[in-house]
């Protein structure tokens, strides 16, 4: 478990270098930003501070409609893949105090 935490922290440290305004947002970027949220999204409880920081960084990274749609599709795929609870996903932005234009929902329409 310690190894996973260390890897996640290292990945978060590298995120600032992965998400540049001139680059297209990829699912790898989104996964790295929201990785610390996974346990909360699957099981509930309290999201860690790194989760909320990742959510803030994700919102800052989605500067265009194309970025928002790409991030939305990544979140949609992750929600299905990891069987994210809809209640925890919908509550996360409020708990973190982050207004975000992306929904973590397996049924969201990312075209709008």
N, C-alpha and C. Protein backbone atom coordinates (compact mmCIF):
# COMPACT_ATOMS: atom_id res chain seq x y z
N UNK A 1 0.82 -1.19 0.00
CA UNK A 1 0.00 0.00 0.00
C UNK A 1 0.86 1.25 0.00
N UNK A 2 1.98 1.22 0.77
CA UNK A 2 2.87 2.38 0.81
C UNK A 2 3.43 2.67 -0.57
N UNK A 3 3.74 1.61 -1.31
CA UNK A 3 4.28 1.78 -2.65
C UNK A 3 3.30 2.50 -3.56
N UNK A 4 2.02 2.17 -3.45
CA UNK A 4 0.99 2.81 -4.26
C UNK A 4 0.90 4.29 -3.92
N UNK A 5 0.94 4.60 -2.64
CA UNK A 5 0.85 6.00 -2.20
C UNK A 5 2.05 6.79 -2.72
N UNK A 6 3.23 6.21 -2.64
CA UNK A 6 4.44 6.89 -3.11
C UNK A 6 4.37 7.13 -4.61
N UNK A 7 3.91 6.13 -5.35
CA UNK A 7 3.77 6.29 -6.79
C UNK A 7 2.75 7.38 -7.12
N UNK A 8 1.64 7.40 -6.41
CA UNK A 8 0.61 8.42 -6.66
C UNK A 8 1.15 9.82 -6.36
N UNK A 9 1.89 9.96 -5.29
CA UNK A 9 2.46 11.27 -4.95
C UNK A 9 3.47 11.71 -6.01
N UNK A 10 4.28 10.79 -6.47
CA UNK A 10 5.24 11.12 -7.52
C UNK A 10 4.52 11.53 -8.80
N UNK A 11 3.44 10.82 -9.10
CA UNK A 11 2.68 11.13 -10.31
C UNK A 11 2.04 12.51 -10.18
N UNK A 12 1.54 12.83 -9.00
CA UNK A 12 0.94 14.15 -8.81
C UNK A 12 1.97 15.25 -8.96
N UNK A 13 3.17 15.01 -8.49
CA UNK A 13 4.23 16.00 -8.63
C UNK A 13 4.56 16.24 -10.10
N UNK A 14 4.43 15.21 -10.92
CA UNK A 14 4.74 15.33 -12.34
C UNK A 14 3.58 15.92 -13.14
N UNK A 15 2.40 15.97 -12.58
CA UNK A 15 1.22 16.43 -13.31
C UNK A 15 1.41 17.85 -13.83
N UNK A 16 2.05 18.69 -13.05
CA UNK A 16 2.23 20.06 -13.50
C UNK A 16 3.00 20.13 -14.81
N UNK A 17 3.83 19.13 -15.08
CA UNK A 17 4.58 19.10 -16.32
C UNK A 17 3.79 18.43 -17.44
N UNK A 18 2.79 17.66 -17.09
CA UNK A 18 2.03 16.94 -18.10
C UNK A 18 0.94 17.78 -18.74
N UNK A 19 0.34 18.67 -17.97
CA UNK A 19 -0.78 19.46 -18.48
C UNK A 19 -0.28 20.85 -18.81
N UNK A 20 -0.01 21.08 -20.07
CA UNK A 20 0.41 22.38 -20.55
C UNK A 20 -0.72 22.96 -21.39
N UNK A 21 -0.93 24.28 -21.34
CA UNK A 21 -2.04 24.89 -22.08
C UNK A 21 -1.99 24.59 -23.58
N UNK A 22 -0.82 24.39 -24.15
CA UNK A 22 -0.73 24.18 -25.59
C UNK A 22 -0.97 22.73 -26.00
N UNK A 23 -1.08 21.84 -25.04
CA UNK A 23 -1.27 20.43 -25.34
C UNK A 23 -2.73 20.03 -25.19
N UNK A 24 -3.12 19.03 -25.95
CA UNK A 24 -4.46 18.48 -25.79
C UNK A 24 -4.51 17.69 -24.48
N UNK A 25 -5.62 17.75 -23.81
CA UNK A 25 -5.81 17.04 -22.56
C UNK A 25 -6.05 15.56 -22.88
N UNK A 26 -5.30 14.69 -22.21
CA UNK A 26 -5.45 13.26 -22.46
C UNK A 26 -6.05 12.57 -21.24
N UNK A 27 -6.51 11.34 -21.44
CA UNK A 27 -7.05 10.57 -20.31
C UNK A 27 -5.97 10.27 -19.28
N UNK A 28 -4.74 10.18 -19.71
CA UNK A 28 -3.64 9.98 -18.76
C UNK A 28 -3.56 11.18 -17.83
N UNK A 29 -3.67 12.38 -18.38
CA UNK A 29 -3.66 13.59 -17.56
C UNK A 29 -4.81 13.58 -16.56
N UNK A 30 -6.00 13.27 -17.04
CA UNK A 30 -7.19 13.27 -16.19
C UNK A 30 -7.04 12.20 -15.10
N UNK A 31 -6.58 11.03 -15.47
CA UNK A 31 -6.40 9.94 -14.50
C UNK A 31 -5.40 10.33 -13.42
N UNK A 32 -4.32 10.99 -13.80
CA UNK A 32 -3.33 11.41 -12.82
C UNK A 32 -3.90 12.46 -11.87
N UNK A 33 -4.67 13.37 -12.41
CA UNK A 33 -5.26 14.42 -11.58
C UNK A 33 -6.29 13.88 -10.60
N UNK A 34 -7.08 12.93 -11.06
CA UNK A 34 -8.17 12.41 -10.22
C UNK A 34 -7.84 11.10 -9.53
N UNK A 35 -6.66 10.57 -9.77
CA UNK A 35 -6.25 9.32 -9.12
C UNK A 35 -6.42 9.31 -7.61
N UNK A 36 -6.06 10.40 -6.93
CA UNK A 36 -6.22 10.42 -5.47
C UNK A 36 -7.69 10.36 -5.02
N UNK A 37 -8.60 10.53 -5.94
CA UNK A 37 -10.04 10.52 -5.61
C UNK A 37 -10.64 9.12 -5.69
N UNK A 38 -9.92 8.18 -6.26
CA UNK A 38 -10.50 6.88 -6.60
C UNK A 38 -11.13 6.18 -5.39
N UNK A 39 -10.42 6.09 -4.29
CA UNK A 39 -11.01 5.41 -3.12
C UNK A 39 -12.26 6.10 -2.64
N UNK A 40 -12.24 7.42 -2.60
CA UNK A 40 -13.44 8.15 -2.19
C UNK A 40 -14.59 7.88 -3.17
N UNK A 41 -14.30 7.95 -4.46
CA UNK A 41 -15.35 7.77 -5.46
C UNK A 41 -15.94 6.37 -5.45
N UNK A 42 -15.15 5.39 -5.08
CA UNK A 42 -15.65 4.01 -5.03
C UNK A 42 -16.33 3.65 -3.71
N UNK A 43 -15.79 4.19 -2.62
CA UNK A 43 -16.24 3.72 -1.30
C UNK A 43 -16.84 4.79 -0.41
N UNK A 44 -16.70 6.06 -0.76
CA UNK A 44 -17.23 7.13 0.08
C UNK A 44 -16.24 7.53 1.15
N UNK A 45 -16.75 8.16 2.20
CA UNK A 45 -15.88 8.64 3.27
C UNK A 45 -15.56 10.11 3.05
N UNK A 46 -14.30 10.45 3.21
CA UNK A 46 -13.84 11.82 3.04
C UNK A 46 -12.75 11.83 1.97
N UNK A 47 -12.90 12.69 0.95
CA UNK A 47 -11.86 12.72 -0.07
C UNK A 47 -10.57 13.33 0.49
N UNK A 48 -9.42 12.78 0.10
CA UNK A 48 -8.16 13.36 0.58
C UNK A 48 -7.92 14.74 -0.05
N UNK A 49 -7.09 15.52 0.59
CA UNK A 49 -6.78 16.86 0.11
C UNK A 49 -6.21 16.83 -1.31
N UNK A 50 -5.39 15.82 -1.61
CA UNK A 50 -4.82 15.71 -2.96
C UNK A 50 -5.90 15.49 -4.01
N UNK A 51 -6.99 14.88 -3.62
CA UNK A 51 -8.12 14.69 -4.53
C UNK A 51 -8.71 16.05 -4.90
N UNK A 52 -8.97 16.87 -3.91
CA UNK A 52 -9.55 18.19 -4.17
C UNK A 52 -8.59 19.06 -4.98
N UNK A 53 -7.30 18.96 -4.70
CA UNK A 53 -6.31 19.71 -5.47
C UNK A 53 -6.31 19.24 -6.92
N UNK A 54 -6.44 17.93 -7.13
CA UNK A 54 -6.50 17.40 -8.49
C UNK A 54 -7.73 17.88 -9.23
N UNK A 55 -8.84 17.96 -8.52
CA UNK A 55 -10.08 18.46 -9.11
C UNK A 55 -9.92 19.92 -9.53
N UNK A 56 -9.28 20.71 -8.68
CA UNK A 56 -9.01 22.11 -9.00
C UNK A 56 -8.11 22.22 -10.23
N UNK A 57 -7.08 21.39 -10.28
CA UNK A 57 -6.15 21.41 -11.41
C UNK A 57 -6.83 20.97 -12.70
N UNK A 58 -7.73 20.01 -12.58
CA UNK A 58 -8.46 19.57 -13.77
C UNK A 58 -9.30 20.71 -14.32
N UNK A 59 -10.01 21.40 -13.46
CA UNK A 59 -10.83 22.52 -13.92
C UNK A 59 -9.96 23.60 -14.56
N UNK A 60 -8.80 23.84 -13.99
CA UNK A 60 -7.89 24.85 -14.56
C UNK A 60 -7.34 24.39 -15.92
N UNK A 61 -7.24 23.09 -16.13
CA UNK A 61 -6.67 22.55 -17.37
C UNK A 61 -7.66 22.54 -18.52
N UNK A 62 -8.94 22.56 -18.23
CA UNK A 62 -9.94 22.47 -19.31
C UNK A 62 -10.32 23.89 -19.74
N UNK A 63 -9.48 24.45 -20.59
CA UNK A 63 -9.65 25.84 -20.99
C UNK A 63 -10.47 26.02 -22.26
N UNK A 64 -10.69 24.93 -22.98
CA UNK A 64 -11.46 25.01 -24.23
C UNK A 64 -12.60 23.98 -24.21
N UNK A 65 -13.52 24.15 -25.12
CA UNK A 65 -14.62 23.19 -25.25
C UNK A 65 -14.09 21.81 -25.60
N UNK A 66 -13.07 21.76 -26.44
CA UNK A 66 -12.46 20.48 -26.82
C UNK A 66 -11.86 19.80 -25.59
N UNK A 67 -11.16 20.58 -24.76
CA UNK A 67 -10.60 20.03 -23.52
C UNK A 67 -11.70 19.50 -22.60
N UNK A 68 -12.77 20.28 -22.46
CA UNK A 68 -13.88 19.85 -21.58
C UNK A 68 -14.51 18.56 -22.08
N UNK A 69 -14.70 18.45 -23.38
CA UNK A 69 -15.29 17.23 -23.93
C UNK A 69 -14.34 16.05 -23.78
N UNK A 70 -13.06 16.27 -24.00
CA UNK A 70 -12.08 15.19 -23.84
C UNK A 70 -12.05 14.73 -22.39
N UNK A 71 -11.99 15.67 -21.45
CA UNK A 71 -11.96 15.33 -20.02
C UNK A 71 -13.26 14.64 -19.61
N UNK A 72 -14.37 15.10 -20.14
CA UNK A 72 -15.66 14.49 -19.84
C UNK A 72 -15.67 13.02 -20.29
N UNK A 73 -15.19 12.77 -21.51
CA UNK A 73 -15.16 11.40 -22.01
C UNK A 73 -14.22 10.52 -21.17
N UNK A 74 -13.12 11.09 -20.71
CA UNK A 74 -12.19 10.34 -19.86
C UNK A 74 -12.85 10.01 -18.52
N UNK A 75 -13.54 10.98 -17.94
CA UNK A 75 -14.23 10.75 -16.66
C UNK A 75 -15.36 9.73 -16.82
N UNK A 76 -16.05 9.81 -17.94
CA UNK A 76 -17.13 8.86 -18.22
C UNK A 76 -16.58 7.44 -18.31
N UNK A 77 -15.48 7.28 -19.02
CA UNK A 77 -14.84 5.97 -19.16
C UNK A 77 -14.34 5.47 -17.80
N UNK A 78 -13.71 6.34 -17.03
CA UNK A 78 -13.20 5.96 -15.71
C UNK A 78 -14.34 5.57 -14.78
N UNK A 79 -15.44 6.30 -14.84
CA UNK A 79 -16.59 5.99 -13.98
C UNK A 79 -17.12 4.60 -14.28
N UNK A 80 -17.14 4.23 -15.55
CA UNK A 80 -17.59 2.88 -15.93
C UNK A 80 -16.56 1.83 -15.54
N UNK A 81 -15.31 2.10 -15.86
CA UNK A 81 -14.23 1.14 -15.63
C UNK A 81 -14.06 0.82 -14.15
N UNK A 82 -14.06 1.86 -13.33
CA UNK A 82 -13.79 1.68 -11.91
C UNK A 82 -15.05 1.57 -11.06
N UNK A 83 -16.21 1.54 -11.71
CA UNK A 83 -17.50 1.42 -11.02
C UNK A 83 -17.64 2.46 -9.91
N UNK A 84 -17.51 3.70 -10.33
CA UNK A 84 -17.62 4.84 -9.42
C UNK A 84 -19.06 4.99 -8.96
N UNK A 85 -19.24 5.28 -7.69
CA UNK A 85 -20.58 5.54 -7.16
C UNK A 85 -21.05 6.90 -7.64
N UNK A 86 -22.27 6.95 -8.15
CA UNK A 86 -22.80 8.21 -8.66
C UNK A 86 -22.97 9.25 -7.55
N UNK A 87 -23.33 8.81 -6.34
CA UNK A 87 -23.53 9.78 -5.26
C UNK A 87 -22.23 10.44 -4.85
N UNK A 88 -21.16 9.68 -4.73
CA UNK A 88 -19.89 10.28 -4.33
C UNK A 88 -19.35 11.18 -5.45
N UNK A 89 -19.54 10.77 -6.69
CA UNK A 89 -19.07 11.57 -7.82
C UNK A 89 -19.81 12.91 -7.89
N UNK A 90 -21.10 12.89 -7.66
CA UNK A 90 -21.86 14.15 -7.75
C UNK A 90 -21.60 15.06 -6.55
N UNK A 91 -21.25 14.48 -5.41
CA UNK A 91 -20.98 15.28 -4.20
C UNK A 91 -19.57 15.85 -4.16
N UNK A 92 -18.65 15.24 -4.90
CA UNK A 92 -17.23 15.60 -4.79
C UNK A 92 -16.95 17.10 -5.01
N UNK A 93 -17.46 17.72 -6.06
CA UNK A 93 -17.15 19.15 -6.24
C UNK A 93 -17.61 20.01 -5.05
N UNK A 94 -18.78 19.73 -4.51
CA UNK A 94 -19.26 20.51 -3.37
C UNK A 94 -18.41 20.28 -2.13
N UNK A 95 -18.05 19.02 -1.88
CA UNK A 95 -17.22 18.71 -0.72
C UNK A 95 -15.87 19.40 -0.83
N UNK A 96 -15.31 19.43 -2.04
CA UNK A 96 -14.02 20.07 -2.26
C UNK A 96 -14.12 21.58 -2.43
N UNK A 97 -15.33 22.08 -2.61
CA UNK A 97 -15.51 23.51 -2.82
C UNK A 97 -14.99 23.97 -4.17
N UNK A 98 -15.15 23.10 -5.18
CA UNK A 98 -14.65 23.38 -6.52
C UNK A 98 -15.83 23.40 -7.49
N UNK A 99 -15.97 24.50 -8.21
CA UNK A 99 -16.98 24.56 -9.26
C UNK A 99 -16.31 24.02 -10.52
N UNK A 100 -16.81 22.89 -11.01
CA UNK A 100 -16.16 22.22 -12.14
C UNK A 100 -17.17 21.98 -13.26
N UNK A 101 -16.69 22.10 -14.48
CA UNK A 101 -17.57 21.94 -15.64
C UNK A 101 -17.59 20.51 -16.16
N UNK A 102 -16.90 19.61 -15.48
CA UNK A 102 -16.82 18.20 -15.88
C UNK A 102 -17.60 17.36 -14.87
N UNK A 103 -18.36 16.39 -15.37
CA UNK A 103 -19.09 15.49 -14.49
C UNK A 103 -18.47 14.09 -14.56
N UNK A 104 -18.29 13.49 -13.40
CA UNK A 104 -17.78 12.11 -13.34
C UNK A 104 -19.01 11.22 -13.24
N UNK A 105 -19.47 10.77 -14.39
CA UNK A 105 -20.75 10.06 -14.47
C UNK A 105 -20.69 9.12 -15.67
N UNK A 106 -21.04 7.85 -15.48
CA UNK A 106 -20.98 6.92 -16.60
C UNK A 106 -22.04 7.19 -17.67
N UNK A 107 -23.02 8.04 -17.37
CA UNK A 107 -24.12 8.28 -18.30
C UNK A 107 -24.17 9.71 -18.83
N UNK A 108 -23.15 10.51 -18.54
CA UNK A 108 -23.17 11.91 -18.94
C UNK A 108 -23.03 12.04 -20.47
N UNK A 109 -23.68 13.05 -21.02
CA UNK A 109 -23.58 13.36 -22.44
C UNK A 109 -22.45 14.37 -22.60
N UNK A 110 -21.33 13.95 -23.12
CA UNK A 110 -20.15 14.80 -23.23
C UNK A 110 -20.18 15.70 -24.47
N UNK A 111 -21.19 15.56 -25.28
CA UNK A 111 -21.25 16.39 -26.50
C UNK A 111 -21.76 17.80 -26.23
N UNK A 112 -22.30 18.02 -25.03
CA UNK A 112 -22.84 19.35 -24.71
C UNK A 112 -22.00 20.08 -23.70
